mmCIF file of all heavy atoms, coordinates in Angstrom:
data_MODEL
# 
_entry.id   MODEL 
# 
loop_
_atom_site.group_PDB 
_atom_site.id 
_atom_site.type_symbol 
_atom_site.label_atom_id 
_atom_site.label_alt_id 
_atom_site.label_comp_id 
_atom_site.label_asym_id 
_atom_site.label_entity_id 
_atom_site.label_seq_id 
_atom_site.pdbx_PDB_ins_code 
_atom_site.Cartn_x 
_atom_site.Cartn_y 
_atom_site.Cartn_z 
_atom_site.occupancy 
_atom_site.B_iso_or_equiv 
_atom_site.pdbx_formal_charge 
_atom_site.auth_seq_id 
_atom_site.auth_comp_id 
_atom_site.auth_asym_id 
_atom_site.auth_atom_id 
_atom_site.pdbx_PDB_model_num 
ATOM 1   N N   . ASN A 1 1  ? 13.087  -4.967  4.541   1.00 0.00 ? 1  ASN A N   1 
ATOM 2   C CA  . ASN A 1 1  ? 13.651  -6.085  3.781   1.00 0.00 ? 1  ASN A CA  1 
ATOM 3   C C   . ASN A 1 1  ? 13.677  -7.367  4.604   1.00 0.00 ? 1  ASN A C   1 
ATOM 4   O O   . ASN A 1 1  ? 13.436  -8.460  4.078   1.00 0.00 ? 1  ASN A O   1 
ATOM 5   C CB  . ASN A 1 1  ? 15.058  -5.741  3.307   1.00 0.00 ? 1  ASN A CB  1 
ATOM 6   C CG  . ASN A 1 1  ? 15.072  -4.613  2.290   1.00 0.00 ? 1  ASN A CG  1 
ATOM 7   O OD1 . ASN A 1 1  ? 14.039  -4.279  1.713   1.00 0.00 ? 1  ASN A OD1 1 
ATOM 8   N ND2 . ASN A 1 1  ? 16.240  -4.007  2.101   1.00 0.00 ? 1  ASN A ND2 1 
ATOM 9   N N   . ALA A 1 2  ? 13.959  -7.250  5.885   1.00 0.00 ? 2  ALA A N   1 
ATOM 10  C CA  . ALA A 1 2  ? 14.029  -8.438  6.732   1.00 0.00 ? 2  ALA A CA  1 
ATOM 11  C C   . ALA A 1 2  ? 12.677  -9.136  6.834   1.00 0.00 ? 2  ALA A C   1 
ATOM 12  O O   . ALA A 1 2  ? 12.604  -10.367 6.905   1.00 0.00 ? 2  ALA A O   1 
ATOM 13  C CB  . ALA A 1 2  ? 14.536  -8.055  8.117   1.00 0.00 ? 2  ALA A CB  1 
ATOM 14  N N   . LYS A 1 3  ? 11.614  -8.357  6.820   1.00 0.00 ? 3  LYS A N   1 
ATOM 15  C CA  . LYS A 1 3  ? 10.256  -8.928  6.903   1.00 0.00 ? 3  LYS A CA  1 
ATOM 16  C C   . LYS A 1 3  ? 9.651   -9.140  5.522   1.00 0.00 ? 3  LYS A C   1 
ATOM 17  O O   . LYS A 1 3  ? 8.530   -9.653  5.420   1.00 0.00 ? 3  LYS A O   1 
ATOM 18  C CB  . LYS A 1 3  ? 9.355   -8.024  7.744   1.00 0.00 ? 3  LYS A CB  1 
ATOM 19  C CG  . LYS A 1 3  ? 9.780   -7.933  9.198   1.00 0.00 ? 3  LYS A CG  1 
ATOM 20  C CD  . LYS A 1 3  ? 8.821   -7.069  10.004  1.00 0.00 ? 3  LYS A CD  1 
ATOM 21  C CE  . LYS A 1 3  ? 9.244   -7.036  11.467  1.00 0.00 ? 3  LYS A CE  1 
ATOM 22  N NZ  . LYS A 1 3  ? 8.332   -6.186  12.287  1.00 0.00 ? 3  LYS A NZ  1 
ATOM 23  N N   . ASN A 1 4  ? 10.365  -8.711  4.490   1.00 0.00 ? 4  ASN A N   1 
ATOM 24  C CA  . ASN A 1 4  ? 9.870   -8.821  3.113   1.00 0.00 ? 4  ASN A CA  1 
ATOM 25  C C   . ASN A 1 4  ? 8.468   -8.215  2.994   1.00 0.00 ? 4  ASN A C   1 
ATOM 26  O O   . ASN A 1 4  ? 7.542   -8.815  2.412   1.00 0.00 ? 4  ASN A O   1 
ATOM 27  C CB  . ASN A 1 4  ? 9.858   -10.271 2.645   1.00 0.00 ? 4  ASN A CB  1 
ATOM 28  C CG  . ASN A 1 4  ? 10.015  -10.382 1.137   1.00 0.00 ? 4  ASN A CG  1 
ATOM 29  O OD1 . ASN A 1 4  ? 10.683  -9.566  0.495   1.00 0.00 ? 4  ASN A OD1 1 
ATOM 30  N ND2 . ASN A 1 4  ? 9.397   -11.387 0.552   1.00 0.00 ? 4  ASN A ND2 1 
ATOM 31  N N   . THR A 1 5  ? 8.326   -7.031  3.555   1.00 0.00 ? 5  THR A N   1 
ATOM 32  C CA  . THR A 1 5  ? 7.020   -6.377  3.662   1.00 0.00 ? 5  THR A CA  1 
ATOM 33  C C   . THR A 1 5  ? 7.139   -4.915  3.256   1.00 0.00 ? 5  THR A C   1 
ATOM 34  O O   . THR A 1 5  ? 8.146   -4.263  3.559   1.00 0.00 ? 5  THR A O   1 
ATOM 35  C CB  . THR A 1 5  ? 6.482   -6.485  5.098   1.00 0.00 ? 5  THR A CB  1 
ATOM 36  O OG1 . THR A 1 5  ? 6.306   -7.869  5.429   1.00 0.00 ? 5  THR A OG1 1 
ATOM 37  C CG2 . THR A 1 5  ? 5.152   -5.755  5.253   1.00 0.00 ? 5  THR A CG2 1 
ATOM 38  N N   . VAL A 1 6  ? 6.107   -4.445  2.581   1.00 0.00 ? 6  VAL A N   1 
ATOM 39  C CA  . VAL A 1 6  ? 6.002   -3.035  2.202   1.00 0.00 ? 6  VAL A CA  1 
ATOM 40  C C   . VAL A 1 6  ? 4.877   -2.410  3.017   1.00 0.00 ? 6  VAL A C   1 
ATOM 41  O O   . VAL A 1 6  ? 3.836   -3.059  3.248   1.00 0.00 ? 6  VAL A O   1 
ATOM 42  C CB  . VAL A 1 6  ? 5.721   -2.896  0.690   1.00 0.00 ? 6  VAL A CB  1 
ATOM 43  C CG1 . VAL A 1 6  ? 5.543   -1.440  0.305   1.00 0.00 ? 6  VAL A CG1 1 
ATOM 44  C CG2 . VAL A 1 6  ? 6.854   -3.523  -0.110  1.00 0.00 ? 6  VAL A CG2 1 
ATOM 45  N N   . TYR A 1 7  ? 5.088   -1.175  3.433   1.00 0.00 ? 7  TYR A N   1 
ATOM 46  C CA  . TYR A 1 7  ? 4.107   -0.482  4.274   1.00 0.00 ? 7  TYR A CA  1 
ATOM 47  C C   . TYR A 1 7  ? 3.609   0.774   3.591   1.00 0.00 ? 7  TYR A C   1 
ATOM 48  O O   . TYR A 1 7  ? 4.290   1.363   2.749   1.00 0.00 ? 7  TYR A O   1 
ATOM 49  C CB  . TYR A 1 7  ? 4.735   -0.101  5.615   1.00 0.00 ? 7  TYR A CB  1 
ATOM 50  C CG  . TYR A 1 7  ? 5.257   -1.275  6.399   1.00 0.00 ? 7  TYR A CG  1 
ATOM 51  C CD1 . TYR A 1 7  ? 6.608   -1.585  6.389   1.00 0.00 ? 7  TYR A CD1 1 
ATOM 52  C CD2 . TYR A 1 7  ? 4.397   -2.078  7.138   1.00 0.00 ? 7  TYR A CD2 1 
ATOM 53  C CE1 . TYR A 1 7  ? 7.096   -2.661  7.102   1.00 0.00 ? 7  TYR A CE1 1 
ATOM 54  C CE2 . TYR A 1 7  ? 4.877   -3.162  7.858   1.00 0.00 ? 7  TYR A CE2 1 
ATOM 55  C CZ  . TYR A 1 7  ? 6.235   -3.453  7.828   1.00 0.00 ? 7  TYR A CZ  1 
ATOM 56  O OH  . TYR A 1 7  ? 6.711   -4.532  8.535   1.00 0.00 ? 7  TYR A OH  1 
ATOM 57  N N   . LEU A 1 8  ? 2.417   1.183   4.004   1.00 0.00 ? 8  LEU A N   1 
ATOM 58  C CA  . LEU A 1 8  ? 1.890   2.485   3.622   1.00 0.00 ? 8  LEU A CA  1 
ATOM 59  C C   . LEU A 1 8  ? 1.354   3.131   4.893   1.00 0.00 ? 8  LEU A C   1 
ATOM 60  O O   . LEU A 1 8  ? 0.314   2.715   5.415   1.00 0.00 ? 8  LEU A O   1 
ATOM 61  C CB  . LEU A 1 8  ? 0.782   2.361   2.572   1.00 0.00 ? 8  LEU A CB  1 
ATOM 62  C CG  . LEU A 1 8  ? 0.266   3.690   2.033   1.00 0.00 ? 8  LEU A CG  1 
ATOM 63  C CD1 . LEU A 1 8  ? 1.357   4.389   1.198   1.00 0.00 ? 8  LEU A CD1 1 
ATOM 64  C CD2 . LEU A 1 8  ? -0.988  3.494   1.172   1.00 0.00 ? 8  LEU A CD2 1 
ATOM 65  N N   . GLN A 1 9  ? 2.103   4.100   5.393   1.00 0.00 ? 9  GLN A N   1 
ATOM 66  C CA  . GLN A 1 9  ? 1.671   4.868   6.552   1.00 0.00 ? 9  GLN A CA  1 
ATOM 67  C C   . GLN A 1 9  ? 0.803   6.015   6.068   1.00 0.00 ? 9  GLN A C   1 
ATOM 68  O O   . GLN A 1 9  ? 1.245   6.834   5.268   1.00 0.00 ? 9  GLN A O   1 
ATOM 69  C CB  . GLN A 1 9  ? 2.879   5.405   7.325   1.00 0.00 ? 9  GLN A CB  1 
ATOM 70  C CG  . GLN A 1 9  ? 2.508   6.257   8.520   1.00 0.00 ? 9  GLN A CG  1 
ATOM 71  C CD  . GLN A 1 9  ? 1.841   5.459   9.624   1.00 0.00 ? 9  GLN A CD  1 
ATOM 72  O OE1 . GLN A 1 9  ? 2.334   4.398   10.013  1.00 0.00 ? 9  GLN A OE1 1 
ATOM 73  N NE2 . GLN A 1 9  ? 0.721   5.953   10.122  1.00 0.00 ? 9  GLN A NE2 1 
ATOM 74  N N   . MET A 1 10 ? -0.430  6.059   6.557   1.00 0.00 ? 10 MET A N   1 
ATOM 75  C CA  . MET A 1 10 ? -1.391  7.057   6.111   1.00 0.00 ? 10 MET A CA  1 
ATOM 76  C C   . MET A 1 10 ? -1.791  7.923   7.300   1.00 0.00 ? 10 MET A C   1 
ATOM 77  O O   . MET A 1 10 ? -2.243  7.391   8.327   1.00 0.00 ? 10 MET A O   1 
ATOM 78  C CB  . MET A 1 10 ? -2.619  6.380   5.508   1.00 0.00 ? 10 MET A CB  1 
ATOM 79  C CG  . MET A 1 10 ? -2.290  5.366   4.425   1.00 0.00 ? 10 MET A CG  1 
ATOM 80  S SD  . MET A 1 10 ? -3.755  4.703   3.600   1.00 0.00 ? 10 MET A SD  1 
ATOM 81  C CE  . MET A 1 10 ? -4.515  3.838   4.967   1.00 0.00 ? 10 MET A CE  1 
ATOM 82  N N   . SER A 1 11 ? -1.625  9.217   7.151   1.00 0.00 ? 11 SER A N   1 
ATOM 83  C CA  . SER A 1 11 ? -1.971  10.151  8.204   1.00 0.00 ? 11 SER A CA  1 
ATOM 84  C C   . SER A 1 11 ? -2.900  11.225  7.658   1.00 0.00 ? 11 SER A C   1 
ATOM 85  O O   . SER A 1 11 ? -3.043  11.363  6.442   1.00 0.00 ? 11 SER A O   1 
ATOM 86  C CB  . SER A 1 11 ? -0.700  10.802  8.764   1.00 0.00 ? 11 SER A CB  1 
ATOM 87  O OG  . SER A 1 11 ? 0.203   9.832   9.243   1.00 0.00 ? 11 SER A OG  1 
ATOM 88  N N   . SER A 1 12 ? -3.514  11.963  8.573   1.00 0.00 ? 12 SER A N   1 
ATOM 89  C CA  . SER A 1 12 ? -4.447  13.035  8.183   1.00 0.00 ? 12 SER A CA  1 
ATOM 90  C C   . SER A 1 12 ? -5.444  12.525  7.149   1.00 0.00 ? 12 SER A C   1 
ATOM 91  O O   . SER A 1 12 ? -5.672  13.173  6.122   1.00 0.00 ? 12 SER A O   1 
ATOM 92  C CB  . SER A 1 12 ? -3.672  14.239  7.632   1.00 0.00 ? 12 SER A CB  1 
ATOM 93  O OG  . SER A 1 12 ? -2.754  14.728  8.587   1.00 0.00 ? 12 SER A OG  1 
ATOM 94  N N   . LEU A 1 13 ? -6.017  11.389  7.427   1.00 0.00 ? 13 LEU A N   1 
ATOM 95  C CA  . LEU A 1 13 ? -6.907  10.748  6.463   1.00 0.00 ? 13 LEU A CA  1 
ATOM 96  C C   . LEU A 1 13 ? -8.159  11.573  6.223   1.00 0.00 ? 13 LEU A C   1 
ATOM 97  O O   . LEU A 1 13 ? -8.680  12.249  7.137   1.00 0.00 ? 13 LEU A O   1 
ATOM 98  C CB  . LEU A 1 13 ? -7.272  9.348   6.944   1.00 0.00 ? 13 LEU A CB  1 
ATOM 99  C CG  . LEU A 1 13 ? -6.168  8.308   6.727   1.00 0.00 ? 13 LEU A CG  1 
ATOM 100 C CD1 . LEU A 1 13 ? -6.386  7.084   7.608   1.00 0.00 ? 13 LEU A CD1 1 
ATOM 101 C CD2 . LEU A 1 13 ? -6.100  7.914   5.268   1.00 0.00 ? 13 LEU A CD2 1 
ATOM 102 N N   . LYS A 1 14 ? -8.627  11.504  4.985   1.00 0.00 ? 14 LYS A N   1 
ATOM 103 C CA  . LYS A 1 14 ? -9.804  12.245  4.548   1.00 0.00 ? 14 LYS A CA  1 
ATOM 104 C C   . LYS A 1 14 ? -10.852 11.245  4.038   1.00 0.00 ? 14 LYS A C   1 
ATOM 105 O O   . LYS A 1 14 ? -10.487 10.142  3.589   1.00 0.00 ? 14 LYS A O   1 
ATOM 106 C CB  . LYS A 1 14 ? -9.431  13.204  3.420   1.00 0.00 ? 14 LYS A CB  1 
ATOM 107 C CG  . LYS A 1 14 ? -8.324  14.165  3.758   1.00 0.00 ? 14 LYS A CG  1 
ATOM 108 C CD  . LYS A 1 14 ? -7.943  15.006  2.535   1.00 0.00 ? 14 LYS A CD  1 
ATOM 109 C CE  . LYS A 1 14 ? -6.804  15.962  2.848   1.00 0.00 ? 14 LYS A CE  1 
ATOM 110 N NZ  . LYS A 1 14 ? -6.431  16.792  1.663   1.00 0.00 ? 14 LYS A NZ  1 
ATOM 111 N N   . PRO A 1 15 ? -12.111 11.619  4.038   1.00 0.00 ? 15 PRO A N   1 
ATOM 112 C CA  . PRO A 1 15 ? -13.135 10.713  3.505   1.00 0.00 ? 15 PRO A CA  1 
ATOM 113 C C   . PRO A 1 15 ? -12.840 10.267  2.066   1.00 0.00 ? 15 PRO A C   1 
ATOM 114 O O   . PRO A 1 15 ? -13.147 9.124   1.699   1.00 0.00 ? 15 PRO A O   1 
ATOM 115 C CB  . PRO A 1 15 ? -14.410 11.550  3.588   1.00 0.00 ? 15 PRO A CB  1 
ATOM 116 C CG  . PRO A 1 15 ? -14.171 12.454  4.754   1.00 0.00 ? 15 PRO A CG  1 
ATOM 117 C CD  . PRO A 1 15 ? -12.713 12.805  4.681   1.00 0.00 ? 15 PRO A CD  1 
ATOM 118 N N   . GLU A 1 16 ? -12.220 11.132  1.293   1.00 0.00 ? 16 GLU A N   1 
ATOM 119 C CA  . GLU A 1 16 ? -11.918 10.764  -0.097  1.00 0.00 ? 16 GLU A CA  1 
ATOM 120 C C   . GLU A 1 16 ? -10.781 9.749   -0.208  1.00 0.00 ? 16 GLU A C   1 
ATOM 121 O O   . GLU A 1 16 ? -10.489 9.262   -1.301  1.00 0.00 ? 16 GLU A O   1 
ATOM 122 C CB  . GLU A 1 16 ? -11.587 12.010  -0.936  1.00 0.00 ? 16 GLU A CB  1 
ATOM 123 C CG  . GLU A 1 16 ? -10.549 12.928  -0.340  1.00 0.00 ? 16 GLU A CG  1 
ATOM 124 C CD  . GLU A 1 16 ? -11.171 14.091  0.432   1.00 0.00 ? 16 GLU A CD  1 
ATOM 125 O OE1 . GLU A 1 16 ? -12.148 13.868  1.203   1.00 0.00 ? 16 GLU A OE1 1 
ATOM 126 O OE2 . GLU A 1 16 ? -10.650 15.223  0.280   1.00 0.00 ? 16 GLU A OE2 1 
ATOM 127 N N   . ASP A 1 17 ? -10.150 9.391   0.898   1.00 0.00 ? 17 ASP A N   1 
ATOM 128 C CA  . ASP A 1 17 ? -9.161  8.320   0.897   1.00 0.00 ? 17 ASP A CA  1 
ATOM 129 C C   . ASP A 1 17 ? -9.814  6.936   1.005   1.00 0.00 ? 17 ASP A C   1 
ATOM 130 O O   . ASP A 1 17 ? -9.123  5.916   0.930   1.00 0.00 ? 17 ASP A O   1 
ATOM 131 C CB  . ASP A 1 17 ? -8.175  8.492   2.059   1.00 0.00 ? 17 ASP A CB  1 
ATOM 132 C CG  . ASP A 1 17 ? -7.306  9.722   1.923   1.00 0.00 ? 17 ASP A CG  1 
ATOM 133 O OD1 . ASP A 1 17 ? -6.850  10.013  0.799   1.00 0.00 ? 17 ASP A OD1 1 
ATOM 134 O OD2 . ASP A 1 17 ? -7.100  10.412  2.943   1.00 0.00 ? 17 ASP A OD2 1 
ATOM 135 N N   . THR A 1 18 ? -11.116 6.922   1.183   1.00 0.00 ? 18 THR A N   1 
ATOM 136 C CA  . THR A 1 18 ? -11.839 5.657   1.305   1.00 0.00 ? 18 THR A CA  1 
ATOM 137 C C   . THR A 1 18 ? -11.693 4.817   0.042   1.00 0.00 ? 18 THR A C   1 
ATOM 138 O O   . THR A 1 18 ? -11.787 5.336   -1.075  1.00 0.00 ? 18 THR A O   1 
ATOM 139 C CB  . THR A 1 18 ? -13.326 5.924   1.578   1.00 0.00 ? 18 THR A CB  1 
ATOM 140 O OG1 . THR A 1 18 ? -13.440 6.519   2.886   1.00 0.00 ? 18 THR A OG1 1 
ATOM 141 C CG2 . THR A 1 18 ? -14.138 4.642   1.538   1.00 0.00 ? 18 THR A CG2 1 
ATOM 142 N N   . GLY A 1 19 ? -11.468 3.512   0.236   1.00 0.00 ? 19 GLY A N   1 
ATOM 143 C CA  . GLY A 1 19 ? -11.357 2.611   -0.892  1.00 0.00 ? 19 GLY A CA  1 
ATOM 144 C C   . GLY A 1 19 ? -10.672 1.316   -0.503  1.00 0.00 ? 19 GLY A C   1 
ATOM 145 O O   . GLY A 1 19 ? -10.281 1.142   0.661   1.00 0.00 ? 19 GLY A O   1 
ATOM 146 N N   . VAL A 1 20 ? -10.541 0.447   -1.471  1.00 0.00 ? 20 VAL A N   1 
ATOM 147 C CA  . VAL A 1 20 ? -9.771  -0.776  -1.283  1.00 0.00 ? 20 VAL A CA  1 
ATOM 148 C C   . VAL A 1 20 ? -8.339  -0.491  -1.727  1.00 0.00 ? 20 VAL A C   1 
ATOM 149 O O   . VAL A 1 20 ? -8.111  -0.035  -2.845  1.00 0.00 ? 20 VAL A O   1 
ATOM 150 C CB  . VAL A 1 20 ? -10.358 -1.948  -2.096  1.00 0.00 ? 20 VAL A CB  1 
ATOM 151 C CG1 . VAL A 1 20 ? -9.491  -3.185  -1.949  1.00 0.00 ? 20 VAL A CG1 1 
ATOM 152 C CG2 . VAL A 1 20 ? -11.785 -2.242  -1.654  1.00 0.00 ? 20 VAL A CG2 1 
ATOM 153 N N   . TYR A 1 21 ? -7.405  -0.774  -0.847  1.00 0.00 ? 21 TYR A N   1 
ATOM 154 C CA  . TYR A 1 21 ? -5.993  -0.521  -1.123  1.00 0.00 ? 21 TYR A CA  1 
ATOM 155 C C   . TYR A 1 21 ? -5.336  -1.835  -1.507  1.00 0.00 ? 21 TYR A C   1 
ATOM 156 O O   . TYR A 1 21 ? -5.459  -2.838  -0.779  1.00 0.00 ? 21 TYR A O   1 
ATOM 157 C CB  . TYR A 1 21 ? -5.325  0.108   0.091   1.00 0.00 ? 21 TYR A CB  1 
ATOM 158 C CG  . TYR A 1 21 ? -5.665  1.568   0.231   1.00 0.00 ? 21 TYR A CG  1 
ATOM 159 C CD1 . TYR A 1 21 ? -6.945  1.971   0.593   1.00 0.00 ? 21 TYR A CD1 1 
ATOM 160 C CD2 . TYR A 1 21 ? -4.714  2.552   -0.033  1.00 0.00 ? 21 TYR A CD2 1 
ATOM 161 C CE1 . TYR A 1 21 ? -7.264  3.313   0.689   1.00 0.00 ? 21 TYR A CE1 1 
ATOM 162 C CE2 . TYR A 1 21 ? -5.031  3.897   0.074   1.00 0.00 ? 21 TYR A CE2 1 
ATOM 163 C CZ  . TYR A 1 21 ? -6.302  4.271   0.427   1.00 0.00 ? 21 TYR A CZ  1 
ATOM 164 O OH  . TYR A 1 21 ? -6.622  5.608   0.522   1.00 0.00 ? 21 TYR A OH  1 
ATOM 165 N N   . LEU A 1 22 ? -4.660  -1.795  -2.648  1.00 0.00 ? 22 LEU A N   1 
ATOM 166 C CA  . LEU A 1 22 ? -4.079  -3.015  -3.209  1.00 0.00 ? 22 LEU A CA  1 
ATOM 167 C C   . LEU A 1 22 ? -2.581  -2.860  -3.411  1.00 0.00 ? 22 LEU A C   1 
ATOM 168 O O   . LEU A 1 22 ? -2.106  -1.800  -3.842  1.00 0.00 ? 22 LEU A O   1 
ATOM 169 C CB  . LEU A 1 22 ? -4.725  -3.351  -4.554  1.00 0.00 ? 22 LEU A CB  1 
ATOM 170 C CG  . LEU A 1 22 ? -6.245  -3.515  -4.531  1.00 0.00 ? 22 LEU A CG  1 
ATOM 171 C CD1 . LEU A 1 22 ? -6.902  -2.404  -5.321  1.00 0.00 ? 22 LEU A CD1 1 
ATOM 172 C CD2 . LEU A 1 22 ? -6.644  -4.855  -5.081  1.00 0.00 ? 22 LEU A CD2 1 
ATOM 173 N N   . CYS A 1 23 ? -1.874  -3.922  -3.149  1.00 0.00 ? 23 CYS A N   1 
ATOM 174 C CA  . CYS A 1 23 ? -0.431  -3.990  -3.351  1.00 0.00 ? 23 CYS A CA  1 
ATOM 175 C C   . CYS A 1 23 ? -0.176  -4.627  -4.718  1.00 0.00 ? 23 CYS A C   1 
ATOM 176 O O   . CYS A 1 23 ? -0.871  -5.589  -5.110  1.00 0.00 ? 23 CYS A O   1 
ATOM 177 C CB  . CYS A 1 23 ? 0.176   -4.849  -2.237  1.00 0.00 ? 23 CYS A CB  1 
ATOM 178 S SG  . CYS A 1 23 ? 1.964   -4.895  -2.190  1.00 0.00 ? 23 CYS A SG  1 
ATOM 179 N N   . TYR A 1 24 ? 0.812   -4.084  -5.439  1.00 0.00 ? 24 TYR A N   1 
ATOM 180 C CA  . TYR A 1 24 ? 1.076   -4.548  -6.802  1.00 0.00 ? 24 TYR A CA  1 
ATOM 181 C C   . TYR A 1 24 ? 2.577   -4.635  -7.043  1.00 0.00 ? 24 TYR A C   1 
ATOM 182 O O   . TYR A 1 24 ? 3.359   -3.802  -6.572  1.00 0.00 ? 24 TYR A O   1 
ATOM 183 C CB  . TYR A 1 24 ? 0.467   -3.572  -7.805  1.00 0.00 ? 24 TYR A CB  1 
ATOM 184 C CG  . TYR A 1 24 ? 0.968   -3.771  -9.224  1.00 0.00 ? 24 TYR A CG  1 
ATOM 185 C CD1 . TYR A 1 24 ? 0.390   -4.721  -10.056 1.00 0.00 ? 24 TYR A CD1 1 
ATOM 186 C CD2 . TYR A 1 24 ? 2.015   -3.004  -9.725  1.00 0.00 ? 24 TYR A CD2 1 
ATOM 187 C CE1 . TYR A 1 24 ? 0.849   -4.907  -11.351 1.00 0.00 ? 24 TYR A CE1 1 
ATOM 188 C CE2 . TYR A 1 24 ? 2.480   -3.182  -11.014 1.00 0.00 ? 24 TYR A CE2 1 
ATOM 189 C CZ  . TYR A 1 24 ? 1.894   -4.128  -11.830 1.00 0.00 ? 24 TYR A CZ  1 
ATOM 190 O OH  . TYR A 1 24 ? 2.344   -4.322  -13.104 1.00 0.00 ? 24 TYR A OH  1 
ATOM 191 N N   . ALA A 1 25 ? 2.950   -5.661  -7.814  1.00 0.00 ? 25 ALA A N   1 
ATOM 192 C CA  . ALA A 1 25 ? 4.319   -5.769  -8.305  1.00 0.00 ? 25 ALA A CA  1 
ATOM 193 C C   . ALA A 1 25 ? 4.286   -6.448  -9.671  1.00 0.00 ? 25 ALA A C   1 
ATOM 194 O O   . ALA A 1 25 ? 3.445   -7.315  -9.928  1.00 0.00 ? 25 ALA A O   1 
ATOM 195 C CB  . ALA A 1 25 ? 5.184   -6.581  -7.343  1.00 0.00 ? 25 ALA A CB  1 
ATOM 196 N N   . ARG A 1 26 ? 5.191   -6.032  -10.533 1.00 0.00 ? 26 ARG A N   1 
ATOM 197 C CA  . ARG A 1 26 ? 5.334   -6.704  -11.820 1.00 0.00 ? 26 ARG A CA  1 
ATOM 198 C C   . ARG A 1 26 ? 6.544   -7.624  -11.694 1.00 0.00 ? 26 ARG A C   1 
ATOM 199 O O   . ARG A 1 26 ? 7.663   -7.136  -11.442 1.00 0.00 ? 26 ARG A O   1 
ATOM 200 C CB  . ARG A 1 26 ? 5.504   -5.716  -12.947 1.00 0.00 ? 26 ARG A CB  1 
ATOM 201 C CG  . ARG A 1 26 ? 5.463   -6.380  -14.322 1.00 0.00 ? 26 ARG A CG  1 
ATOM 202 C CD  . ARG A 1 26 ? 5.205   -5.379  -15.426 1.00 0.00 ? 26 ARG A CD  1 
ATOM 203 N NE  . ARG A 1 26 ? 5.205   -5.987  -16.738 1.00 0.00 ? 26 ARG A NE  1 
ATOM 204 C CZ  . ARG A 1 26 ? 4.168   -6.594  -17.297 1.00 0.00 ? 26 ARG A CZ  1 
ATOM 205 N NH1 . ARG A 1 26 ? 3.029   -6.682  -16.641 1.00 0.00 ? 26 ARG A NH1 1 
ATOM 206 N NH2 . ARG A 1 26 ? 4.250   -7.112  -18.511 1.00 0.00 ? 26 ARG A NH2 1 
ATOM 207 N N   . VAL A 1 27 ? 6.310   -8.908  -11.854 1.00 0.00 ? 27 VAL A N   1 
ATOM 208 C CA  . VAL A 1 27 ? 7.349   -9.903  -11.617 1.00 0.00 ? 27 VAL A CA  1 
ATOM 209 C C   . VAL A 1 27 ? 7.520   -10.750 -12.868 1.00 0.00 ? 27 VAL A C   1 
ATOM 210 O O   . VAL A 1 27 ? 6.560   -11.419 -13.292 1.00 0.00 ? 27 VAL A O   1 
ATOM 211 C CB  . VAL A 1 27 ? 6.971   -10.799 -10.410 1.00 0.00 ? 27 VAL A CB  1 
ATOM 212 C CG1 . VAL A 1 27 ? 8.077   -11.821 -10.146 1.00 0.00 ? 27 VAL A CG1 1 
ATOM 213 C CG2 . VAL A 1 27 ? 6.711   -9.956  -9.176  1.00 0.00 ? 27 VAL A CG2 1 
ATOM 214 N N   . LEU A 1 28 ? 8.712   -10.697 -13.430 1.00 0.00 ? 28 LEU A N   1 
ATOM 215 C CA  . LEU A 1 28 ? 9.033   -11.497 -14.620 1.00 0.00 ? 28 LEU A CA  1 
ATOM 216 C C   . LEU A 1 28 ? 7.976   -11.311 -15.709 1.00 0.00 ? 28 LEU A C   1 
ATOM 217 O O   . LEU A 1 28 ? 7.552   -12.277 -16.359 1.00 0.00 ? 28 LEU A O   1 
ATOM 218 C CB  . LEU A 1 28 ? 9.158   -12.984 -14.239 1.00 0.00 ? 28 LEU A CB  1 
ATOM 219 C CG  . LEU A 1 28 ? 10.267  -13.316 -13.245 1.00 0.00 ? 28 LEU A CG  1 
ATOM 220 C CD1 . LEU A 1 28 ? 10.242  -14.795 -12.895 1.00 0.00 ? 28 LEU A CD1 1 
ATOM 221 C CD2 . LEU A 1 28 ? 11.626  -12.911 -13.797 1.00 0.00 ? 28 LEU A CD2 1 
ATOM 222 N N   . GLY A 1 29 ? 7.545   -10.077 -15.886 1.00 0.00 ? 29 GLY A N   1 
ATOM 223 C CA  . GLY A 1 29 ? 6.597   -9.764  -16.941 1.00 0.00 ? 29 GLY A CA  1 
ATOM 224 C C   . GLY A 1 29 ? 5.137   -10.007 -16.591 1.00 0.00 ? 29 GLY A C   1 
ATOM 225 O O   . GLY A 1 29 ? 4.261   -9.801  -17.435 1.00 0.00 ? 29 GLY A O   1 
# 
């Protein structure tokens, strides 16, 4: 909250995890 940041810690990665990772929020509709 202090950094106003969301994280995604990813471990034991697999080739099928390959892709573009996008952050999303619905704000005021």
